[in-house]
């Protein structure tokens, strides 16, 4: 994030890697992967907790959209 004149400009990069079916934190690069529907659900929650606990921020608009629209489509690679 870049803060300039009381405005916040957030990275337009999506955290979802569709070809490998995984999430990646755009701030630090940590990967969130899964091997089942249950792990998928857990990793979605863990990703959101990670943003708050490690980066002290809320989701960007792109991150929010990804999490709303993302469904389990198989295991990560």
C-alpha atoms as a PDB file:
ATOM      1  CA  UNK A   1       0.000   0.000   0.000  1.00  0.00           C
ATOM      2  CA  UNK A   2       1.071   3.516  -0.705  1.00  0.00           C
ATOM      3  CA  UNK A   3      -0.477   6.278   1.362  1.00  0.00           C
ATOM      4  CA  UNK A   4      -0.509   9.661  -0.343  1.00  0.00           C
ATOM      5  CA  UNK A   5      -2.464  12.761   0.674  1.00  0.00           C
ATOM      6  CA  UNK A   6      -4.902  10.822   2.885  1.00  0.00           C
ATOM      7  CA  UNK A   7      -5.704   8.355   0.098  1.00  0.00           C
ATOM      8  CA  UNK A   8      -4.757   4.697   0.127  1.00  0.00           C
ATOM      9  CA  UNK A   9      -3.660   3.069  -3.126  1.00  0.00           C
ATOM     10  CA  UNK A  10      -3.836  -0.714  -2.905  1.00  0.00           C
ATOM     11  CA  UNK A  11      -2.129  -3.296  -5.069  1.00  0.00           C
ATOM     12  CA  UNK A  12      -4.392  -4.414  -7.932  1.00  0.00           C
ATOM     13  CA  UNK A  13      -2.788  -7.881  -7.899  1.00  0.00           C
ATOM     14  CA  UNK A  14      -5.057 -10.864  -7.288  1.00  0.00           C
ATOM     15  CA  UNK A  15      -3.957 -13.277  -4.553  1.00  0.00           C
ATOM     16  CA  UNK A  16      -5.397 -16.272  -6.452  1.00  0.00           C
ATOM     17  CA  UNK A  17      -3.211 -18.406  -8.727  1.00  0.00           C
ATOM     18  CA  UNK A  18      -5.824 -20.146 -10.880  1.00  0.00           C
ATOM     19  CA  UNK A  19      -3.423 -22.493 -12.686  1.00  0.00           C
ATOM     20  CA  UNK A  20      -2.187 -23.954  -9.372  1.00  0.00           C
ATOM     21  CA  UNK A  21      -5.422 -23.459  -7.390  1.00  0.00           C
ATOM     22  CA  UNK A  22      -3.822 -21.624  -4.474  1.00  0.00           C
ATOM     23  CA  UNK A  23      -3.775 -18.273  -2.722  1.00  0.00           C
ATOM     24  CA  UNK A  24      -0.636 -16.225  -2.216  1.00  0.00           C
ATOM     25  CA  UNK A  25      -0.251 -13.207   0.046  1.00  0.00           C
ATOM     26  CA  UNK A  26       0.656 -10.247  -2.176  1.00  0.00           C
ATOM     27  CA  UNK A  27       2.529  -8.661   0.742  1.00  0.00           C
ATOM     28  CA  UNK A  28       4.918 -11.447   1.761  1.00  0.00           C
ATOM     29  CA  UNK A  29       4.435 -14.290  -0.736  1.00  0.00           C
ATOM     30  CA  UNK A  30       3.283 -16.998   1.712  1.00  0.00           C
ATOM     31  CA  UNK A  31       1.193 -19.685  -0.011  1.00  0.00           C
ATOM     32  CA  UNK A  32      -2.159 -21.034   1.129  1.00  0.00           C
ATOM     33  CA  UNK A  33      -2.833 -24.474  -0.374  1.00  0.00           C
ATOM     34  CA  UNK A  34      -5.303 -27.310   0.221  1.00  0.00           C
ATOM     35  CA  UNK A  35      -5.782 -31.038  -0.375  1.00  0.00           C
ATOM     36  CA  UNK A  36      -9.509 -31.283   0.377  1.00  0.00           C
ATOM     37  CA  UNK A  37     -12.711 -29.267   0.675  1.00  0.00           C
ATOM     38  CA  UNK A  38     -12.162 -29.064   4.444  1.00  0.00           C
ATOM     39  CA  UNK A  39      -8.613 -27.704   4.032  1.00  0.00           C
ATOM     40  CA  UNK A  40      -9.882 -25.248   1.397  1.00  0.00           C
ATOM     41  CA  UNK A  41     -12.386 -23.813   3.882  1.00  0.00           C
ATOM     42  CA  UNK A  42      -9.718 -23.634   6.570  1.00  0.00           C
ATOM     43  CA  UNK A  43      -7.210 -21.898   4.277  1.00  0.00           C
ATOM     44  CA  UNK A  44      -9.763 -19.241   3.257  1.00  0.00           C
ATOM     45  CA  UNK A  45     -10.129 -18.318   6.937  1.00  0.00           C
ATOM     46  CA  UNK A  46      -6.389 -18.554   7.572  1.00  0.00           C
ATOM     47  CA  UNK A  47      -5.662 -16.215   4.640  1.00  0.00           C
ATOM     48  CA  UNK A  48      -7.964 -13.575   6.130  1.00  0.00           C
ATOM     49  CA  UNK A  49      -6.446 -13.978   9.613  1.00  0.00           C
ATOM     50  CA  UNK A  50      -2.962 -13.716   8.083  1.00  0.00           C
ATOM     51  CA  UNK A  51      -3.709 -10.292   6.568  1.00  0.00           C
ATOM     52  CA  UNK A  52      -4.751  -8.931   9.954  1.00  0.00           C
ATOM     53  CA  UNK A  53      -2.183 -10.622  12.189  1.00  0.00           C
ATOM     54  CA  UNK A  54       0.904 -10.364   9.963  1.00  0.00           C
ATOM     55  CA  UNK A  55       0.202  -7.216   7.941  1.00  0.00           C
ATOM     56  CA  UNK A  56      -2.243  -5.344  10.179  1.00  0.00           C
ATOM     57  CA  UNK A  57      -4.654  -4.559   7.363  1.00  0.00           C
ATOM     58  CA  UNK A  58      -8.040  -5.419   5.923  1.00  0.00           C
ATOM     59  CA  UNK A  59      -8.606  -7.119   2.573  1.00  0.00           C
ATOM     60  CA  UNK A  60      -8.203  -5.097  -0.594  1.00  0.00           C
ATOM     61  CA  UNK A  61     -11.186  -4.944  -2.950  1.00  0.00           C
ATOM     62  CA  UNK A  62      -9.597  -7.570  -5.208  1.00  0.00           C
ATOM     63  CA  UNK A  63      -8.897  -9.893  -2.259  1.00  0.00           C
ATOM     64  CA  UNK A  64     -12.465  -9.445  -1.048  1.00  0.00           C
ATOM     65  CA  UNK A  65     -13.870 -10.283  -4.510  1.00  0.00           C
ATOM     66  CA  UNK A  66     -11.636 -13.346  -4.852  1.00  0.00           C
ATOM     67  CA  UNK A  67     -12.746 -14.714  -1.490  1.00  0.00           C
ATOM     68  CA  UNK A  68     -16.412 -14.107  -2.311  1.00  0.00           C
ATOM     69  CA  UNK A  69     -16.223 -15.806  -5.705  1.00  0.00           C
ATOM     70  CA  UNK A  70     -13.698 -18.578  -5.073  1.00  0.00           C
ATOM     71  CA  UNK A  71     -15.064 -22.117  -4.788  1.00  0.00           C
ATOM     72  CA  UNK A  72     -13.306 -25.405  -4.175  1.00  0.00           C
ATOM     73  CA  UNK A  73     -12.378 -26.923  -7.556  1.00  0.00           C
ATOM     74  CA  UNK A  74      -9.942 -29.579  -6.434  1.00  0.00           C
ATOM     75  CA  UNK A  75      -6.610 -29.798  -4.700  1.00  0.00           C
ATOM     76  CA  UNK A  76      -3.848 -27.222  -5.008  1.00  0.00           C
ATOM     77  CA  UNK A  77      -0.747 -28.070  -6.988  1.00  0.00           C
END
